[in-house]
Structure formats: C-alpha cells, structure tokens
Amino acid sequence: MVTKTVDVQEAQTNLKELLSLALKGIEVVLTEGGIPLVRLAPIASPTKQRTAGLHAGSIGTSDDFDEPLPDEFWTGNL
C-alpha cells in the first residue's frame, strides 16, 4: 500500500487533494512535528444489502430470560 505523509499545516491547504488520494486507496497520514496523528481512510460501504431472517431459529433464549435475577446475583454471592 502506498502511503503519503503530510504535515497538518500542508493538509489544511490541500484537503481536497488528500481526500481524493484516500478515496483512491492511498493511505494519507497527517503528522505534526513529524509525529503521526491521524490516518485518512474512506468509509467502507457494505458490499451487499443485508437480508433479515436468513438464520431464523439459530438463536434462542431461555424460558426465564425476562425473570428478575436472584438477590445473590446482585450481591456477588452466586
């Protein structure tokens, strides 16, 4: 991966260019005094739409799921 390191002062004047580079997959690291501060990276969008119900029945809860917890749970004496 190609990395471009830019000082914060320079980044302020070239932000649009740096955003364009990051969107193309070039890692942009902003530094101050030679110390890396942040990395510009595009937000990944989901590659496909999620479909509800694909794994129906694979997760379950116990019959007492919504019952109050015993006092021993709250006092730490289980």
Protein backbone atom coordinates (compact mmCIF):
# COMPACT_ATOMS: atom_id res chain seq x y z
CA MET A 1 0.00 0.00 0.00
CA VAL A 2 1.26 3.46 -0.91
CA THR A 3 1.44 5.94 1.97
CA LYS A 4 1.62 9.71 1.75
CA THR A 5 2.69 11.55 4.88
CA VAL A 6 1.61 15.17 5.16
CA ASP A 7 2.09 17.80 7.86
CA VAL A 8 -1.12 19.24 9.29
CA GLN A 9 -0.25 22.73 8.04
CA GLU A 10 0.08 21.46 4.45
CA ALA A 11 -3.07 19.36 4.83
CA GLN A 12 -5.12 22.45 5.60
CA THR A 13 -4.37 23.90 2.18
CA ASN A 14 -4.61 20.61 0.24
CA LEU A 15 -7.53 18.85 1.92
CA LYS A 16 -9.50 18.14 -1.27
CA GLU A 17 -6.45 16.59 -2.92
CA LEU A 18 -5.72 14.45 0.16
CA LEU A 19 -9.32 13.26 0.30
CA SER A 20 -9.13 12.29 -3.35
CA LEU A 21 -5.96 10.28 -2.71
CA ALA A 22 -7.53 8.50 0.25
CA LEU A 23 -10.60 7.60 -1.81
CA LYS A 24 -8.29 6.08 -4.43
CA GLY A 25 -6.77 3.79 -1.79
CA ILE A 26 -3.64 5.75 -0.96
CA GLU A 27 -3.04 5.88 2.77
CA VAL A 28 -2.73 9.51 3.95
CA VAL A 29 -1.15 10.08 7.36
CA LEU A 30 -1.33 13.54 8.91
CA THR A 31 1.58 14.49 11.13
CA GLU A 32 2.53 17.36 13.38
CA GLY A 33 6.19 17.91 14.08
CA GLY A 34 6.95 14.55 12.48
CA ILE A 35 4.61 12.71 14.87
CA PRO A 36 1.78 10.78 13.16
CA LEU A 37 -1.63 11.95 14.39
CA VAL A 38 -4.36 10.53 12.15
CA ARG A 39 -4.92 8.41 9.07
CA LEU A 40 -7.40 9.38 6.37
CA ALA A 41 -9.39 6.41 5.15
CA PRO A 42 -12.62 6.07 3.19
CA ILE A 43 -15.68 4.75 4.95
CA ALA A 44 -16.36 1.29 3.59
CA SER A 45 -19.88 0.83 2.37
CA PRO A 46 -21.49 -2.60 2.64
CA THR A 47 -20.85 -4.66 -0.47
CA LYS A 48 -24.31 -6.17 -0.48
CA GLN A 49 -27.61 -5.45 1.18
CA ARG A 50 -28.37 -7.41 4.33
CA THR A 51 -31.45 -9.63 4.38
CA ALA A 52 -33.35 -10.19 7.61
CA GLY A 53 -34.33 -13.72 8.58
CA LEU A 54 -31.54 -15.66 6.88
CA HIS A 55 -30.65 -17.50 10.08
CA ALA A 56 -34.08 -17.87 11.64
CA GLY A 57 -34.07 -20.28 14.57
CA SER A 58 -30.30 -20.24 15.09
CA ILE A 59 -30.53 -18.06 18.21
CA GLY A 60 -32.76 -18.73 21.17
CA THR A 61 -33.41 -17.54 24.70
CA SER A 62 -34.28 -19.45 27.82
CA ASP A 63 -37.83 -19.51 29.17
CA ASP A 64 -36.78 -17.45 32.19
CA PHE A 65 -35.00 -14.79 30.13
CA ASP A 66 -37.08 -11.87 31.42
CA GLU A 67 -37.44 -13.08 35.03
CA PRO A 68 -35.82 -10.99 37.78
CA LEU A 69 -32.30 -12.03 38.73
CA PRO A 70 -31.83 -13.57 42.21
CA ASP A 71 -30.52 -11.38 45.03
CA GLU A 72 -27.34 -13.47 45.08
CA PHE A 73 -26.51 -12.17 41.63
CA TRP A 74 -26.56 -8.55 42.80
CA THR A 75 -24.57 -9.23 45.98
CA GLY A 76 -21.96 -11.34 44.17
CA ASN A 77 -22.64 -14.48 46.23
CA LEU A 78 -23.56 -16.88 43.46
